[in-house]
Each structure stands twice: as structure tokens, then as C-alpha cells.
Amino acid sequence: EIYTLSLHDALPILKLLPEAESKRIESFSPTMFFLVLLPPIIFESGYNLHKGNFFQNIGSIMVFAILGTAISALIVGGGVYLLGMADIVYKLNFVESFAFGSLISAVDPVATLAIFQALDVDPVLNMLVFGESILNDAVAIVLTTTIVESASAENEDIGAMAQIVSGVLRFIGVFLGSAGIGSLIALISSLILKHIDLYTNPSLEFALMLC
């Protein structure tokens, strides 16, 4: 018999709470992940990034991250939708299929990068894979948000072409806005780090990554 120990079973005090309140405590908020846990991870990756190889190949990385992720999302989303219509896989509607395709297209090649480092492959190849893995997460998040918001109630009355145009414009706006905010924070961080000696104050490095 397989028994799964949940947080509700592990902490008896939660049994004293109402069921709705205990479920709220046990649940993990996506907002908490995107606003609290994800930024320090991205900041750490950017801080330890080899800037020369990254910016020398920024064009190829952007093509792989943006165009490659979009093509993968279209193929996966279209495949899931068509296979669902044929009752081969679990049936999802149009929006759900392409939202799933957008999310699943954000691959994280940790094993590939580890093998590349062990084999000491060409730094350009390693940077192409590493740079694409950094940017495709942001592309997938923006693309998924755009697809979901395009199917909201206020957009149901407009035509298909207008929804596509609205989705493309929303994607460009959110992507450029996010890139602008990230660039501003990077400039502020660079200015702060310029006047802080992390060699003599190593504890400040960890504190900055949590900010």
C-alpha cells in the first residue's frame, strides 16, 4: 500500500484549522515563485555569466531563445490540440493546448551543460546552450501570459485576427517592459557593486542576491 505523507498529516496543528485555511497554507503561490524565488536565481546566473562570450553571440542566442521557443510552442501546442481532437491524448481546448506548449518549451538543459563542462567543449557552443536556457524561461512566461490573456472575457468578442494582433503587441510590450526593468536593476546593481569591495565583505554578495 502506498501512503503519501502530506503537510497536513505531518503537522497536526493544521488539523485544528478550517479546511480552506489549511489548504491555503499548504498551497504554493506562483506569485511567490516568480517574485521571490526566481529573481535571485536569475541574478546569480547573470552575475557569474561570462559576459564576453554571451554578448558576442547575443544574436544567435536571441534567435534560439525567442524564435526557437515560439516554434516549439506552436508545434507542441498544435500537436496536443490535434491529438486531443482525435481522442488520442487528453483533450484540451485551443488556449489550454498552446499554453501548455509554451510552458513545456522552456527546457532547462542542466545535464547537457554539466556534460559540456566535463568534456570542456567549445566555449561558444556552451554559451549558446547556456544563454538560450537563461532567456527561454522569460520568453515562455511572457508567451503563456499572452496566450491566456488573449482568451480573457474582454477579448472574446473580437475577431481571430484582432486577437492575434493584440497578442503579438502584448507579447512585445511585456517582453520589452520586462527587459527594461531587468536592465535598470542590472545598472543599479552594477553601480552598487562598483563601490563595494566584495573581497573584503563576502557576506554582502549573498545579501545582494537576496535583494
C-alpha atoms as a PDB file:
ATOM      1  CA  GLU A   1       0.000   0.000   0.000  1.00  0.00           C
ATOM      2  CA  ILE A   2       1.387   3.390  -0.971  1.00  0.00           C
ATOM      3  CA  TYR A   3       0.889   6.159   1.558  1.00  0.00           C
ATOM      4  CA  THR A   4       1.807   9.766   0.867  1.00  0.00           C
ATOM      5  CA  LEU A   5       2.621  11.904   3.890  1.00  0.00           C
ATOM      6  CA  SER A   6       1.257  15.373   3.319  1.00  0.00           C
ATOM      7  CA  LEU A   7       1.982  18.567   5.205  1.00  0.00           C
ATOM      8  CA  HIS A   8      -1.478  18.282   6.733  1.00  0.00           C
ATOM      9  CA  ASP A   9      -0.542  14.872   8.223  1.00  0.00           C
ATOM     10  CA  ALA A  10       2.946  15.949   9.262  1.00  0.00           C
ATOM     11  CA  LEU A  11       1.748  18.985  11.224  1.00  0.00           C
ATOM     12  CA  PRO A  12      -1.199  18.031  13.474  1.00  0.00           C
ATOM     13  CA  ILE A  13      -1.753  21.654  14.381  1.00  0.00           C
ATOM     14  CA  LEU A  14      -3.067  22.234  10.863  1.00  0.00           C
ATOM     15  CA  LYS A  15      -5.942  19.882  11.650  1.00  0.00           C
ATOM     16  CA  LEU A  16      -7.223  22.464  14.112  1.00  0.00           C
ATOM     17  CA  LEU A  17      -7.617  24.997  11.295  1.00  0.00           C
ATOM     18  CA  PRO A  18     -10.580  25.167   8.904  1.00  0.00           C
ATOM     19  CA  GLU A  19     -10.116  23.083   5.764  1.00  0.00           C
ATOM     20  CA  ALA A  20      -9.969  26.099   3.466  1.00  0.00           C
ATOM     21  CA  GLU A  21      -7.328  27.789   5.634  1.00  0.00           C
ATOM     22  CA  SER A  22      -5.174  24.662   5.838  1.00  0.00           C
ATOM     23  CA  LYS A  23      -5.292  24.247   2.044  1.00  0.00           C
ATOM     24  CA  ARG A  24      -4.247  27.889   1.629  1.00  0.00           C
ATOM     25  CA  ILE A  25      -1.242  27.331   3.894  1.00  0.00           C
ATOM     26  CA  GLU A  26      -0.235  24.106   2.144  1.00  0.00           C
ATOM     27  CA  SER A  27      -0.512  25.573  -1.351  1.00  0.00           C
ATOM     28  CA  PHE A  28       2.449  27.233  -3.055  1.00  0.00           C
ATOM     29  CA  SER A  29       1.694  30.530  -4.739  1.00  0.00           C
ATOM     30  CA  PRO A  30       3.065  31.031  -8.277  1.00  0.00           C
ATOM     31  CA  THR A  31       3.420  34.732  -7.452  1.00  0.00           C
ATOM     32  CA  MET A  32       5.758  33.818  -4.590  1.00  0.00           C
ATOM     33  CA  PHE A  33       7.887  31.791  -7.004  1.00  0.00           C
ATOM     34  CA  PHE A  34       8.055  34.427  -9.752  1.00  0.00           C
ATOM     35  CA  LEU A  35       8.604  37.451  -7.483  1.00  0.00           C
ATOM     36  CA  VAL A  36      10.659  35.998  -4.606  1.00  0.00           C
ATOM     37  CA  LEU A  37      12.439  32.771  -5.586  1.00  0.00           C
ATOM     38  CA  LEU A  38      13.104  33.221  -9.309  1.00  0.00           C
ATOM     39  CA  PRO A  39      14.791  36.695  -9.340  1.00  0.00           C
ATOM     40  CA  PRO A  40      17.755  35.674  -7.098  1.00  0.00           C
ATOM     41  CA  ILE A  41      18.344  32.607  -9.297  1.00  0.00           C
ATOM     42  CA  ILE A  42      18.396  34.729 -12.465  1.00  0.00           C
ATOM     43  CA  PHE A  43      20.556  37.367 -10.744  1.00  0.00           C
ATOM     44  CA  GLU A  44      23.097  34.720  -9.699  1.00  0.00           C
ATOM     45  CA  SER A  45      23.245  33.324 -13.256  1.00  0.00           C
ATOM     46  CA  GLY A  46      23.783  36.782 -14.713  1.00  0.00           C
ATOM     47  CA  TYR A  47      26.343  37.731 -12.056  1.00  0.00           C
ATOM     48  CA  ASN A  48      28.532  34.677 -12.799  1.00  0.00           C
ATOM     49  CA  LEU A  49      27.996  34.865 -16.567  1.00  0.00           C
ATOM     50  CA  HIS A  50      30.970  35.127 -18.943  1.00  0.00           C
ATOM     51  CA  LYS A  51      29.994  38.462 -20.462  1.00  0.00           C
ATOM     52  CA  GLY A  52      32.333  38.336 -23.466  1.00  0.00           C
ATOM     53  CA  ASN A  53      31.063  35.095 -24.994  1.00  0.00           C
ATOM     54  CA  PHE A  54      27.463  35.981 -24.160  1.00  0.00           C
ATOM     55  CA  PHE A  55      27.339  39.374 -25.870  1.00  0.00           C
ATOM     56  CA  GLN A  56      29.451  38.241 -28.821  1.00  0.00           C
ATOM     57  CA  ASN A  57      26.775  35.635 -29.585  1.00  0.00           C
ATOM     58  CA  ILE A  58      23.715  37.571 -28.401  1.00  0.00           C
ATOM     59  CA  GLY A  59      22.133  37.460 -31.871  1.00  0.00           C
ATOM     60  CA  SER A  60      22.240  33.670 -32.132  1.00  0.00           C
ATOM     61  CA  ILE A  61      21.122  33.285 -28.511  1.00  0.00           C
ATOM     62  CA  MET A  62      18.120  35.567 -29.062  1.00  0.00           C
ATOM     63  CA  VAL A  63      17.127  33.650 -32.211  1.00  0.00           C
ATOM     64  CA  PHE A  64      17.256  30.332 -30.359  1.00  0.00           C
ATOM     65  CA  ALA A  65      15.509  31.720 -27.267  1.00  0.00           C
ATOM     66  CA  ILE A  66      12.702  33.709 -28.928  1.00  0.00           C
ATOM     67  CA  LEU A  67      12.138  32.128 -32.338  1.00  0.00           C
ATOM     68  CA  GLY A  68      13.055  28.626 -31.222  1.00  0.00           C
ATOM     69  CA  THR A  69      10.794  28.723 -28.167  1.00  0.00           C
ATOM     70  CA  ALA A  70       7.916  30.152 -30.225  1.00  0.00           C
ATOM     71  CA  ILE A  71       8.285  27.446 -32.899  1.00  0.00           C
ATOM     72  CA  SER A  72       8.451  24.738 -30.234  1.00  0.00           C
ATOM     73  CA  ALA A  73       5.357  26.157 -28.508  1.00  0.00           C
ATOM     74  CA  LEU A  74       3.418  26.185 -31.790  1.00  0.00           C
ATOM     75  CA  ILE A  75       4.417  22.619 -32.683  1.00  0.00           C
ATOM     76  CA  VAL A  76       3.763  21.183 -29.210  1.00  0.00           C
ATOM     77  CA  GLY A  77       0.557  23.174 -28.694  1.00  0.00           C
ATOM     78  CA  GLY A  78      -0.776  22.319 -32.131  1.00  0.00           C
ATOM     79  CA  GLY A  79       0.123  18.666 -31.669  1.00  0.00           C
ATOM     80  CA  VAL A  80      -1.608  18.462 -28.287  1.00  0.00           C
ATOM     81  CA  TYR A  81      -4.712  20.165 -29.694  1.00  0.00           C
ATOM     82  CA  LEU A  82      -4.933  17.944 -32.784  1.00  0.00           C
ATOM     83  CA  LEU A  83      -4.233  14.737 -30.859  1.00  0.00           C
ATOM     84  CA  GLY A  84      -6.876  15.741 -28.340  1.00  0.00           C
ATOM     85  CA  MET A  85      -9.397  16.304 -31.130  1.00  0.00           C
ATOM     86  CA  ALA A  86      -8.576  12.782 -32.364  1.00  0.00           C
ATOM     87  CA  ASP A  87      -9.113  11.369 -28.822  1.00  0.00           C
ATOM     88  CA  ILE A  88      -5.546  10.070 -28.691  1.00  0.00           C
ATOM     89  CA  VAL A  89      -4.473  12.171 -25.708  1.00  0.00           C
ATOM     90  CA  TYR A  90      -6.325  14.112 -23.038  1.00  0.00           C
ATOM     91  CA  LYS A  91      -8.459  16.689 -24.811  1.00  0.00           C
ATOM     92  CA  LEU A  92      -7.602  20.340 -24.194  1.00  0.00           C
ATOM     93  CA  ASN A  93      -9.138  23.394 -25.791  1.00  0.00           C
ATOM     94  CA  PHE A  94      -7.203  25.705 -28.096  1.00  0.00           C
ATOM     95  CA  VAL A  95      -5.946  28.100 -25.417  1.00  0.00           C
ATOM     96  CA  GLU A  96      -5.021  25.355 -22.943  1.00  0.00           C
ATOM     97  CA  SER A  97      -3.110  23.447 -25.621  1.00  0.00           C
ATOM     98  CA  PHE A  98      -0.944  26.386 -26.625  1.00  0.00           C
ATOM     99  CA  ALA A  99      -0.474  27.495 -23.019  1.00  0.00           C
ATOM    100  CA  PHE A 100       0.834  24.000 -22.271  1.00  0.00           C
ATOM    101  CA  GLY A 101       3.036  24.146 -25.363  1.00  0.00           C
ATOM    102  CA  SER A 102       4.505  27.473 -24.221  1.00  0.00           C
ATOM    103  CA  LEU A 103       5.261  26.201 -20.729  1.00  0.00           C
ATOM    104  CA  ILE A 104       6.765  22.878 -21.803  1.00  0.00           C
ATOM    105  CA  SER A 105       9.018  24.571 -24.377  1.00  0.00           C
ATOM    106  CA  ALA A 106      11.116  26.253 -21.669  1.00  0.00           C
ATOM    107  CA  VAL A 107      13.712  23.483 -21.372  1.00  0.00           C
ATOM    108  CA  ASP A 108      16.478  23.675 -18.760  1.00  0.00           C
ATOM    109  CA  PRO A 109      19.492  21.692 -20.083  1.00  0.00           C
ATOM    110  CA  VAL A 110      21.265  21.252 -16.749  1.00  0.00           C
ATOM    111  CA  ALA A 111      22.564  17.770 -17.625  1.00  0.00           C
ATOM    112  CA  THR A 112      23.755  18.965 -21.042  1.00  0.00           C
ATOM    113  CA  LEU A 113      25.655  21.894 -19.545  1.00  0.00           C
ATOM    114  CA  ALA A 114      27.219  19.626 -16.905  1.00  0.00           C
ATOM    115  CA  ILE A 115      28.428  17.260 -19.646  1.00  0.00           C
ATOM    116  CA  PHE A 116      29.754  20.200 -21.667  1.00  0.00           C
ATOM    117  CA  GLN A 117      31.788  21.378 -18.671  1.00  0.00           C
ATOM    118  CA  ALA A 118      33.099  17.874 -18.009  1.00  0.00           C
ATOM    119  CA  LEU A 119      34.155  17.433 -21.656  1.00  0.00           C
ATOM    120  CA  ASP A 120      35.484  21.004 -21.918  1.00  0.00           C
ATOM    121  CA  VAL A 121      33.650  21.655 -25.198  1.00  0.00           C
ATOM    122  CA  ASP A 122      33.911  24.768 -27.342  1.00  0.00           C
ATOM    123  CA  PRO A 123      33.062  27.816 -25.168  1.00  0.00           C
ATOM    124  CA  VAL A 124      30.865  29.236 -27.933  1.00  0.00           C
ATOM    125  CA  LEU A 125      28.720  26.087 -28.057  1.00  0.00           C
ATOM    126  CA  ASN A 126      28.484  26.046 -24.261  1.00  0.00           C
ATOM    127  CA  MET A 127      27.450  29.716 -24.204  1.00  0.00           C
ATOM    128  CA  LEU A 128      24.805  29.211 -26.915  1.00  0.00           C
ATOM    129  CA  VAL A 129      23.132  26.464 -24.886  1.00  0.00           C
ATOM    130  CA  PHE A 130      23.571  28.275 -21.560  1.00  0.00           C
ATOM    131  CA  GLY A 131      22.382  31.644 -22.880  1.00  0.00           C
ATOM    132  CA  GLU A 132      19.339  30.117 -24.551  1.00  0.00           C
ATOM    133  CA  SER A 133      18.431  28.290 -21.333  1.00  0.00           C
ATOM    134  CA  ILE A 134      18.529  31.602 -19.424  1.00  0.00           C
ATOM    135  CA  LEU A 135      16.342  33.559 -21.838  1.00  0.00           C
ATOM    136  CA  ASN A 136      13.824  30.900 -22.864  1.00  0.00           C
ATOM    137  CA  ASP A 137      12.257  30.880 -19.377  1.00  0.00           C
ATOM    138  CA  ALA A 138      11.341  34.549 -19.718  1.00  0.00           C
ATOM    139  CA  VAL A 139      10.060  34.001 -23.266  1.00  0.00           C
ATOM    140  CA  ALA A 140       7.896  31.069 -22.147  1.00  0.00           C
ATOM    141  CA  ILE A 141       6.411  33.039 -19.238  1.00  0.00           C
ATOM    142  CA  VAL A 142       5.574  36.024 -21.451  1.00  0.00           C
ATOM    143  CA  LEU A 143       4.207  33.804 -24.219  1.00  0.00           C
ATOM    144  CA  THR A 144       1.997  31.846 -21.817  1.00  0.00           C
ATOM    145  CA  THR A 145       0.682  35.031 -20.203  1.00  0.00           C
ATOM    146  CA  THR A 146      -0.061  36.483 -23.628  1.00  0.00           C
ATOM    147  CA  ILE A 147      -1.991  33.388 -24.731  1.00  0.00           C
ATOM    148  CA  VAL A 148      -4.038  33.207 -21.529  1.00  0.00           C
ATOM    149  CA  GLU A 149      -4.845  36.924 -21.502  1.00  0.00           C
ATOM    150  CA  SER A 150      -5.783  36.868 -25.190  1.00  0.00           C
ATOM    151  CA  ALA A 151      -8.588  34.430 -24.334  1.00  0.00           C
ATOM    152  CA  SER A 152      -9.953  36.553 -21.489  1.00  0.00           C
ATOM    153  CA  ALA A 153     -13.584  37.712 -21.408  1.00  0.00           C
ATOM    154  CA  GLU A 154     -12.900  41.160 -22.855  1.00  0.00           C
ATOM    155  CA  ASN A 155     -11.217  39.642 -25.924  1.00  0.00           C
ATOM    156  CA  GLU A 156     -13.874  37.048 -26.744  1.00  0.00           C
ATOM    157  CA  ASP A 157     -15.993  39.469 -28.814  1.00  0.00           C
ATOM    158  CA  ILE A 158     -13.216  40.471 -31.236  1.00  0.00           C
ATOM    159  CA  GLY A 159     -12.173  38.505 -34.296  1.00  0.00           C
ATOM    160  CA  ALA A 160      -9.416  35.932 -34.544  1.00  0.00           C
ATOM    161  CA  MET A 161      -7.074  38.244 -36.483  1.00  0.00           C
ATOM    162  CA  ALA A 162      -7.580  41.025 -33.951  1.00  0.00           C
ATOM    163  CA  GLN A 163      -6.780  38.580 -31.139  1.00  0.00           C
ATOM    164  CA  ILE A 164      -3.577  37.555 -32.893  1.00  0.00           C
ATOM    165  CA  VAL A 165      -2.521  41.182 -33.398  1.00  0.00           C
ATOM    166  CA  SER A 166      -3.427  42.012 -29.796  1.00  0.00           C
ATOM    167  CA  GLY A 167      -1.461  39.000 -28.551  1.00  0.00           C
ATOM    168  CA  VAL A 168       1.617  39.945 -30.590  1.00  0.00           C
ATOM    169  CA  LEU A 169       1.501  43.541 -29.340  1.00  0.00           C
ATOM    170  CA  ARG A 170       1.028  42.369 -25.754  1.00  0.00           C
ATOM    171  CA  PHE A 171       3.956  39.982 -26.138  1.00  0.00           C
ATOM    172  CA  ILE A 172       6.210  42.759 -27.452  1.00  0.00           C
ATOM    173  CA  GLY A 173       5.092  45.171 -24.725  1.00  0.00           C
ATOM    174  CA  VAL A 174       5.578  42.723 -21.859  1.00  0.00           C
ATOM    175  CA  PHE A 175       8.886  41.446 -23.248  1.00  0.00           C
ATOM    176  CA  LEU A 176      10.367  44.910 -23.772  1.00  0.00           C
ATOM    177  CA  GLY A 177       8.989  46.136 -20.446  1.00  0.00           C
ATOM    178  CA  SER A 178      10.488  43.183 -18.596  1.00  0.00           C
ATOM    179  CA  ALA A 179      13.804  43.649 -20.392  1.00  0.00           C
ATOM    180  CA  GLY A 180      13.768  47.359 -19.486  1.00  0.00           C
ATOM    181  CA  ILE A 181      13.111  46.668 -15.807  1.00  0.00           C
ATOM    182  CA  GLY A 182      15.804  43.992 -15.770  1.00  0.00           C
ATOM    183  CA  SER A 183      18.306  46.332 -17.452  1.00  0.00           C
ATOM    184  CA  LEU A 184      17.524  49.098 -14.948  1.00  0.00           C
ATOM    185  CA  ILE A 185      18.050  46.766 -11.992  1.00  0.00           C
ATOM    186  CA  ALA A 186      21.263  45.491 -13.595  1.00  0.00           C
ATOM    187  CA  LEU A 187      22.577  49.050 -13.978  1.00  0.00           C
ATOM    188  CA  ILE A 188      21.715  49.877 -10.371  1.00  0.00           C
ATOM    189  CA  SER A 189      23.379  46.652  -9.189  1.00  0.00           C
ATOM    190  CA  SER A 190      26.477  47.436 -11.268  1.00  0.00           C
ATOM    191  CA  LEU A 191      26.675  50.903  -9.726  1.00  0.00           C
ATOM    192  CA  ILE A 192      26.371  49.471  -6.215  1.00  0.00           C
ATOM    193  CA  LEU A 193      28.908  46.711  -6.843  1.00  0.00           C
ATOM    194  CA  LYS A 194      31.342  49.243  -8.298  1.00  0.00           C
ATOM    195  CA  HIS A 195      31.663  50.920  -4.897  1.00  0.00           C
ATOM    196  CA  ILE A 196      31.581  47.750  -2.758  1.00  0.00           C
ATOM    197  CA  ASP A 197      34.586  45.518  -2.225  1.00  0.00           C
ATOM    198  CA  LEU A 198      33.099  42.018  -2.069  1.00  0.00           C
ATOM    199  CA  TYR A 199      36.531  40.503  -1.451  1.00  0.00           C
ATOM    200  CA  THR A 200      36.751  42.098   1.975  1.00  0.00           C
ATOM    201  CA  ASN A 201      32.979  41.835   2.597  1.00  0.00           C
ATOM    202  CA  PRO A 202      31.927  38.423   1.183  1.00  0.00           C
ATOM    203  CA  SER A 203      28.708  38.397   3.202  1.00  0.00           C
ATOM    204  CA  LEU A 204      27.415  41.357   1.158  1.00  0.00           C
ATOM    205  CA  GLU A 205      27.413  39.233  -2.021  1.00  0.00           C
ATOM    206  CA  PHE A 206      24.839  36.858  -0.575  1.00  0.00           C
ATOM    207  CA  ALA A 207      22.778  39.764   0.749  1.00  0.00           C
ATOM    208  CA  LEU A 208      22.725  41.454  -2.672  1.00  0.00           C
ATOM    209  CA  MET A 209      21.495  38.277  -4.334  1.00  0.00           C
ATOM    210  CA  LEU A 210      18.557  38.193  -1.947  1.00  0.00           C
ATOM    211  CA  CYS A 211      17.566  41.811  -2.640  1.00  0.00           C
END
